[in-house]
N, C-alpha and C. Protein backbone atom coordinates (compact mmCIF):
# COMPACT_ATOMS: atom_id res chain seq x y z
N MET A 1 25.36 -2.20 -56.50
CA MET A 1 24.40 -2.65 -57.47
C MET A 1 25.04 -2.64 -58.85
N ILE A 2 24.69 -3.64 -59.65
CA ILE A 2 25.21 -3.79 -61.00
C ILE A 2 24.04 -3.73 -61.99
N ILE A 3 24.19 -2.94 -63.03
CA ILE A 3 23.21 -2.88 -64.11
C ILE A 3 23.89 -3.36 -65.38
N VAL A 4 23.22 -4.25 -66.08
CA VAL A 4 23.66 -4.69 -67.40
C VAL A 4 22.62 -4.16 -68.38
N ALA A 5 23.06 -3.45 -69.41
CA ALA A 5 22.13 -2.89 -70.39
C ALA A 5 22.78 -2.91 -71.76
N GLY A 6 21.94 -3.07 -72.77
CA GLY A 6 22.45 -3.04 -74.12
C GLY A 6 21.47 -3.62 -75.11
N THR A 7 22.01 -4.07 -76.24
CA THR A 7 21.16 -4.59 -77.31
C THR A 7 21.74 -5.86 -77.92
N LEU A 8 20.83 -6.66 -78.45
CA LEU A 8 21.16 -7.82 -79.26
C LEU A 8 20.46 -7.62 -80.59
N SER A 9 21.04 -8.10 -81.66
CA SER A 9 20.40 -8.05 -82.97
C SER A 9 20.09 -9.47 -83.40
N ILE A 10 18.80 -9.74 -83.66
CA ILE A 10 18.36 -11.08 -84.01
C ILE A 10 17.58 -11.02 -85.31
N ASP A 11 17.90 -11.91 -86.23
CA ASP A 11 17.16 -11.95 -87.49
C ASP A 11 15.67 -12.18 -87.18
N PRO A 12 14.79 -11.34 -87.73
CA PRO A 12 13.36 -11.48 -87.44
C PRO A 12 12.81 -12.88 -87.74
N SER A 13 13.41 -13.60 -88.68
CA SER A 13 12.94 -14.95 -88.98
C SER A 13 13.21 -15.92 -87.83
N ASP A 14 14.13 -15.58 -86.94
CA ASP A 14 14.45 -16.41 -85.77
C ASP A 14 13.83 -15.88 -84.49
N PHE A 15 13.03 -14.83 -84.58
CA PHE A 15 12.57 -14.20 -83.35
C PHE A 15 11.69 -15.11 -82.50
N GLU A 16 10.87 -15.94 -83.09
CA GLU A 16 10.01 -16.82 -82.29
C GLU A 16 10.85 -17.84 -81.51
N LYS A 17 11.88 -18.39 -82.13
CA LYS A 17 12.79 -19.30 -81.42
C LYS A 17 13.46 -18.57 -80.26
N TYR A 18 13.88 -17.34 -80.52
CA TYR A 18 14.50 -16.52 -79.49
C TYR A 18 13.52 -16.28 -78.34
N ARG A 19 12.29 -15.91 -78.67
CA ARG A 19 11.29 -15.59 -77.65
C ARG A 19 11.03 -16.78 -76.73
N VAL A 20 10.92 -17.97 -77.30
CA VAL A 20 10.68 -19.17 -76.49
C VAL A 20 11.86 -19.41 -75.53
N ALA A 21 13.08 -19.32 -76.05
CA ALA A 21 14.26 -19.52 -75.20
C ALA A 21 14.37 -18.41 -74.15
N ALA A 22 14.03 -17.18 -74.52
CA ALA A 22 14.12 -16.06 -73.59
C ALA A 22 13.12 -16.20 -72.44
N GLU A 23 11.93 -16.68 -72.72
CA GLU A 23 10.95 -16.87 -71.65
C GLU A 23 11.48 -17.81 -70.58
N VAL A 24 12.10 -18.91 -71.01
CA VAL A 24 12.67 -19.88 -70.07
C VAL A 24 13.82 -19.24 -69.30
N MET A 25 14.68 -18.53 -70.01
CA MET A 25 15.84 -17.89 -69.38
C MET A 25 15.41 -16.85 -68.36
N ILE A 26 14.46 -16.02 -68.72
CA ILE A 26 14.00 -14.96 -67.80
C ILE A 26 13.41 -15.58 -66.54
N ALA A 27 12.54 -16.57 -66.70
CA ALA A 27 11.90 -17.20 -65.53
C ALA A 27 12.94 -17.80 -64.59
N ALA A 28 13.91 -18.51 -65.15
CA ALA A 28 14.94 -19.15 -64.31
C ALA A 28 15.83 -18.10 -63.64
N THR A 29 16.19 -17.06 -64.37
CA THR A 29 17.09 -16.04 -63.83
C THR A 29 16.43 -15.24 -62.72
N LEU A 30 15.15 -14.94 -62.86
CA LEU A 30 14.45 -14.18 -61.82
C LEU A 30 14.39 -14.93 -60.49
N GLU A 31 14.64 -16.24 -60.52
CA GLU A 31 14.69 -17.04 -59.29
C GLU A 31 16.07 -17.02 -58.64
N GLU A 32 17.06 -16.48 -59.32
CA GLU A 32 18.42 -16.47 -58.79
C GLU A 32 18.57 -15.47 -57.64
N ASP A 33 19.42 -15.85 -56.71
CA ASP A 33 19.77 -14.95 -55.61
C ASP A 33 20.46 -13.71 -56.18
N GLY A 34 20.01 -12.55 -55.79
CA GLY A 34 20.66 -11.31 -56.19
C GLY A 34 20.10 -10.68 -57.45
N CYS A 35 19.20 -11.37 -58.15
CA CYS A 35 18.61 -10.81 -59.36
C CYS A 35 17.39 -9.96 -58.99
N GLN A 36 17.44 -8.70 -59.35
CA GLN A 36 16.32 -7.79 -59.06
C GLN A 36 15.46 -7.55 -60.29
N VAL A 37 16.09 -7.43 -61.45
CA VAL A 37 15.38 -7.22 -62.71
C VAL A 37 16.13 -7.98 -63.79
N TYR A 38 15.38 -8.65 -64.66
CA TYR A 38 15.97 -9.35 -65.80
C TYR A 38 14.94 -9.33 -66.91
N ASN A 39 15.20 -8.52 -67.95
CA ASN A 39 14.18 -8.31 -68.96
C ASN A 39 14.79 -8.08 -70.33
N PHE A 40 14.09 -8.56 -71.34
CA PHE A 40 14.42 -8.32 -72.74
C PHE A 40 13.19 -7.71 -73.39
N ALA A 41 13.38 -6.76 -74.30
CA ALA A 41 12.25 -6.13 -74.98
C ALA A 41 12.59 -5.88 -76.44
N GLN A 42 11.69 -6.28 -77.32
CA GLN A 42 11.88 -6.06 -78.75
C GLN A 42 11.56 -4.60 -79.07
N SER A 43 12.40 -3.99 -79.88
CA SER A 43 12.20 -2.60 -80.28
C SER A 43 10.96 -2.47 -81.15
N VAL A 44 10.17 -1.42 -80.91
CA VAL A 44 9.00 -1.17 -81.76
C VAL A 44 9.41 -0.53 -83.09
N ILE A 45 10.61 0.02 -83.15
CA ILE A 45 11.10 0.65 -84.38
C ILE A 45 11.86 -0.33 -85.25
N ASP A 46 12.69 -1.17 -84.64
CA ASP A 46 13.52 -2.13 -85.37
C ASP A 46 13.27 -3.53 -84.81
N PRO A 47 12.47 -4.36 -85.48
CA PRO A 47 12.12 -5.67 -84.94
C PRO A 47 13.30 -6.63 -84.78
N SER A 48 14.45 -6.29 -85.33
CA SER A 48 15.62 -7.15 -85.13
C SER A 48 16.39 -6.79 -83.86
N GLU A 49 16.04 -5.67 -83.23
CA GLU A 49 16.77 -5.22 -82.04
C GLU A 49 16.03 -5.62 -80.76
N VAL A 50 16.80 -6.20 -79.83
CA VAL A 50 16.27 -6.56 -78.52
C VAL A 50 17.05 -5.78 -77.48
N ARG A 51 16.34 -5.09 -76.63
CA ARG A 51 16.96 -4.35 -75.52
C ARG A 51 17.09 -5.28 -74.32
N VAL A 52 18.25 -5.25 -73.70
CA VAL A 52 18.55 -6.07 -72.53
C VAL A 52 18.65 -5.14 -71.33
N PHE A 53 18.03 -5.52 -70.21
CA PHE A 53 18.15 -4.73 -68.99
C PHE A 53 18.12 -5.66 -67.79
N GLU A 54 19.18 -5.59 -66.98
CA GLU A 54 19.32 -6.45 -65.80
C GLU A 54 19.77 -5.59 -64.61
N ILE A 55 19.29 -5.92 -63.42
CA ILE A 55 19.80 -5.31 -62.20
C ILE A 55 20.16 -6.44 -61.23
N TRP A 56 21.39 -6.38 -60.73
CA TRP A 56 21.93 -7.38 -59.81
C TRP A 56 22.38 -6.69 -58.53
N GLU A 57 22.24 -7.38 -57.42
CA GLU A 57 22.67 -6.82 -56.14
C GLU A 57 24.17 -6.59 -56.09
N SER A 58 24.95 -7.46 -56.76
CA SER A 58 26.41 -7.32 -56.71
C SER A 58 27.05 -7.97 -57.92
N ALA A 59 28.33 -7.67 -58.11
CA ALA A 59 29.10 -8.30 -59.18
C ALA A 59 29.22 -9.80 -58.95
N ASP A 60 29.30 -10.21 -57.69
CA ASP A 60 29.37 -11.64 -57.39
C ASP A 60 28.10 -12.37 -57.83
N HIS A 61 26.94 -11.73 -57.64
CA HIS A 61 25.69 -12.34 -58.10
C HIS A 61 25.68 -12.47 -59.62
N LEU A 62 26.13 -11.43 -60.31
CA LEU A 62 26.19 -11.49 -61.77
C LEU A 62 27.17 -12.58 -62.22
N LYS A 63 28.30 -12.68 -61.56
CA LYS A 63 29.29 -13.70 -61.89
C LYS A 63 28.69 -15.09 -61.71
N ALA A 64 27.97 -15.31 -60.61
CA ALA A 64 27.34 -16.61 -60.36
C ALA A 64 26.30 -16.92 -61.44
N HIS A 65 25.60 -15.91 -61.89
CA HIS A 65 24.60 -16.07 -62.96
C HIS A 65 25.25 -16.68 -64.21
N GLY A 66 26.45 -16.27 -64.50
CA GLY A 66 27.16 -16.76 -65.68
C GLY A 66 27.51 -18.23 -65.62
N THR A 67 27.44 -18.84 -64.45
CA THR A 67 27.81 -20.25 -64.29
C THR A 67 26.60 -21.17 -64.12
N THR A 68 25.40 -20.64 -64.21
CA THR A 68 24.20 -21.45 -64.00
C THR A 68 23.93 -22.38 -65.19
N PRO A 69 23.26 -23.49 -64.94
CA PRO A 69 22.89 -24.39 -66.04
C PRO A 69 22.00 -23.71 -67.08
N HIS A 70 21.08 -22.86 -66.63
CA HIS A 70 20.20 -22.21 -67.61
C HIS A 70 20.96 -21.21 -68.48
N MET A 71 22.07 -20.67 -67.98
CA MET A 71 22.90 -19.80 -68.82
C MET A 71 23.57 -20.62 -69.92
N ALA A 72 24.00 -21.83 -69.61
CA ALA A 72 24.61 -22.69 -70.63
C ALA A 72 23.58 -23.04 -71.72
N VAL A 73 22.35 -23.32 -71.32
CA VAL A 73 21.28 -23.61 -72.27
C VAL A 73 21.01 -22.37 -73.13
N TRP A 74 20.97 -21.20 -72.49
CA TRP A 74 20.73 -19.93 -73.18
C TRP A 74 21.80 -19.67 -74.23
N ARG A 75 23.05 -19.86 -73.86
CA ARG A 75 24.15 -19.65 -74.81
C ARG A 75 24.02 -20.57 -76.02
N SER A 76 23.66 -21.81 -75.78
CA SER A 76 23.45 -22.76 -76.89
C SER A 76 22.30 -22.32 -77.78
N ALA A 77 21.23 -21.85 -77.17
CA ALA A 77 20.06 -21.38 -77.94
C ALA A 77 20.45 -20.19 -78.81
N LEU A 78 21.20 -19.26 -78.25
CA LEU A 78 21.62 -18.08 -79.02
C LEU A 78 22.56 -18.47 -80.16
N ALA A 79 23.42 -19.43 -79.91
CA ALA A 79 24.37 -19.86 -80.94
C ALA A 79 23.66 -20.47 -82.15
N ALA A 80 22.46 -20.99 -81.95
CA ALA A 80 21.71 -21.61 -83.03
C ALA A 80 20.89 -20.60 -83.85
N LEU A 81 20.89 -19.33 -83.43
CA LEU A 81 20.09 -18.30 -84.10
C LEU A 81 20.96 -17.46 -85.04
N LYS A 82 20.29 -16.85 -86.02
CA LYS A 82 20.97 -15.88 -86.88
C LYS A 82 20.99 -14.56 -86.12
N MET A 83 22.17 -14.19 -85.66
CA MET A 83 22.30 -12.98 -84.85
C MET A 83 23.29 -12.02 -85.50
N GLY A 84 23.05 -10.75 -85.24
CA GLY A 84 23.97 -9.71 -85.67
C GLY A 84 24.81 -9.27 -84.49
N GLU A 85 24.97 -7.99 -84.38
CA GLU A 85 25.83 -7.44 -83.33
C GLU A 85 25.20 -7.55 -81.95
N ARG A 86 26.08 -7.58 -80.97
CA ARG A 86 25.67 -7.61 -79.57
C ARG A 86 26.46 -6.53 -78.85
N HIS A 87 25.76 -5.65 -78.16
CA HIS A 87 26.41 -4.58 -77.41
C HIS A 87 25.82 -4.57 -75.99
N LEU A 88 26.62 -5.00 -75.03
CA LEU A 88 26.19 -5.00 -73.64
C LEU A 88 27.22 -4.25 -72.80
N ALA A 89 26.73 -3.52 -71.82
CA ALA A 89 27.63 -2.80 -70.92
C ALA A 89 27.24 -3.12 -69.47
N ILE A 90 28.23 -3.08 -68.60
CA ILE A 90 28.03 -3.29 -67.17
C ILE A 90 28.27 -1.96 -66.46
N TYR A 91 27.32 -1.58 -65.62
CA TYR A 91 27.43 -0.33 -64.86
C TYR A 91 27.42 -0.65 -63.37
N GLU A 92 28.39 -0.11 -62.64
CA GLU A 92 28.40 -0.23 -61.18
C GLU A 92 27.74 1.03 -60.64
N VAL A 93 26.67 0.85 -59.89
CA VAL A 93 25.86 1.97 -59.41
C VAL A 93 25.95 2.04 -57.89
N ASP A 94 26.27 3.21 -57.37
CA ASP A 94 26.32 3.35 -55.92
C ASP A 94 25.26 4.32 -55.39
N LYS A 95 24.51 4.94 -56.28
CA LYS A 95 23.48 5.85 -55.84
C LYS A 95 22.31 5.81 -56.84
N ILE A 96 21.10 5.78 -56.32
CA ILE A 96 19.91 5.75 -57.17
C ILE A 96 19.00 6.89 -56.73
N GLY A 97 18.48 7.61 -57.71
CA GLY A 97 17.52 8.68 -57.43
C GLY A 97 16.32 8.53 -58.35
N THR A 98 15.33 9.32 -58.15
CA THR A 98 14.16 9.28 -59.01
C THR A 98 14.25 10.39 -60.06
N LEU A 99 13.54 10.20 -61.12
CA LEU A 99 13.55 11.14 -62.22
C LEU A 99 12.21 11.84 -62.31
């Protein structure tokens, strides 16, 4: 299992454009083979920060996600926004427990 987690920084003036593009991206990605969770959430403390959280069955599924047409559209949408830093990490998980 692969987890992608991190943050994006988006200028609040562009957040509505981001939200519209993100809705399309999330819906399309959730239909992909191997996608278990795909979600973005705006921070309640810092409105410019978006938390990213994804769960994929395998690295191959995540790699395939990067080549989809909706990913190309997503990248173009992000390039048109005023964005700050982006911090994403990939975690390979072999065991899951409850908290």
